Protein backbone atom coordinates (compact mmCIF):
# COMPACT_ATOMS: atom_id res chain seq x y z
CA ARG A 1 80.33 101.34 53.22
CA LEU A 2 80.04 98.85 56.02
CA ALA A 3 81.43 101.31 58.56
CA TYR A 4 78.97 103.96 57.39
CA ALA A 5 76.05 101.50 57.60
CA LYS A 6 77.09 100.49 61.13
CA HIS A 7 77.32 104.17 62.10
CA LEU A 8 73.81 104.87 60.79
CA THR A 9 72.26 101.87 62.56
CA SER A 10 74.22 102.14 65.82
CA GLY A 11 71.37 103.95 67.55
CA ARG A 12 73.43 107.09 68.08
CA HIS A 13 72.39 108.54 64.71
CA PRO A 14 68.60 109.13 64.75
CA LEU A 15 68.05 109.82 61.04
CA VAL A 16 67.56 106.25 59.80
CA ALA A 17 65.14 105.35 62.59
CA ARG A 18 63.16 108.55 62.04
CA VAL A 19 62.87 107.93 58.30
CA LEU A 20 61.71 104.33 58.82
CA VAL A 21 59.21 105.34 61.51
CA ASN A 22 57.86 108.08 59.27
CA ARG A 23 57.40 105.64 56.37
CA VAL A 24 55.59 103.11 58.56
CA TRP A 25 53.39 105.88 59.97
CA MET A 26 52.64 106.97 56.39
CA GLN A 27 51.58 103.42 55.49
CA HIS A 28 49.00 103.36 58.26
CA PHE A 29 47.70 106.92 58.24
CA GLY A 30 48.14 107.98 54.61
CA ARG A 31 50.57 110.79 55.45
CA GLY A 32 53.74 110.92 57.47
CA LEU A 33 54.65 112.86 60.57
CA VAL A 34 57.03 114.63 58.19
CA ALA A 35 55.18 115.53 54.98
CA SER A 36 58.35 115.49 52.87
CA ALA A 37 59.13 111.81 53.40
CA GLY A 38 61.92 111.85 50.83
CA ASP A 39 63.70 114.84 52.34
CA PHE A 40 64.55 115.04 56.03
CA GLY A 41 67.25 117.61 55.38
CA VAL A 42 67.34 121.37 55.74
CA LEU A 43 65.02 121.88 52.77
CA GLY A 44 62.48 119.34 54.03
CA GLU A 45 59.43 120.16 56.09
CA ARG A 46 59.38 120.09 59.88
CA PRO A 47 57.61 117.18 61.62
CA SER A 48 54.02 117.86 62.65
CA HIS A 49 54.67 116.10 65.98
CA PRO A 50 58.44 116.03 66.59
CA GLU A 51 58.19 114.53 70.09
CA LEU A 52 56.11 111.62 68.79
CA LEU A 53 58.54 111.01 65.94
CA ASP A 54 61.50 111.02 68.33
CA TRP A 55 59.73 108.73 70.81
CA LEU A 56 58.73 106.23 68.12
CA ALA A 57 62.25 106.28 66.67
CA ALA A 58 63.76 105.62 70.12
CA GLU A 59 61.23 102.84 70.76
CA PHE A 60 62.10 101.32 67.38
CA VAL A 61 65.85 101.34 68.10
CA ASP A 62 65.34 100.04 71.66
CA SER A 63 63.31 97.13 70.29
CA GLY A 64 66.29 96.06 68.20
CA TRP A 65 64.99 97.62 64.97
CA ASP A 66 61.98 95.28 65.10
CA LEU A 67 59.45 96.44 62.50
CA LYS A 68 56.79 94.09 63.84
CA HIS A 69 57.08 95.77 67.25
CA LEU A 70 56.81 99.21 65.64
CA HIS A 71 53.66 98.19 63.77
CA ARG A 72 52.15 96.87 67.02
CA VAL A 73 52.92 100.10 68.89
CA ILE A 74 51.26 102.17 66.17
CA LEU A 75 48.28 99.85 65.65
CA ASN A 76 47.57 99.58 69.37
CA SER A 77 47.63 103.36 69.79
CA THR A 78 44.47 105.34 70.48
CA ALA A 79 45.20 107.53 67.45
CA TYR A 80 45.04 104.55 65.09
CA GLN A 81 42.00 103.00 66.73
CA GLN A 82 40.01 106.19 66.23
């Protein structure tokens, strides 16, 4: 289990970061970038803005998985301030 957890959070596997970013986005905007928040698999829906999701996930990982930083990035965005 520990090896699997380290693999998921190593930064090379984007799924965990994307799911967390989507959930934080959903908290602030009422809906996620991926409508099926519980299913990112083949049967799930496609992201409405895949480039934004990937960029936010990369920013989240680069910040050291800092949720406070992720919230700041989203809350300081023009999209949120509108």
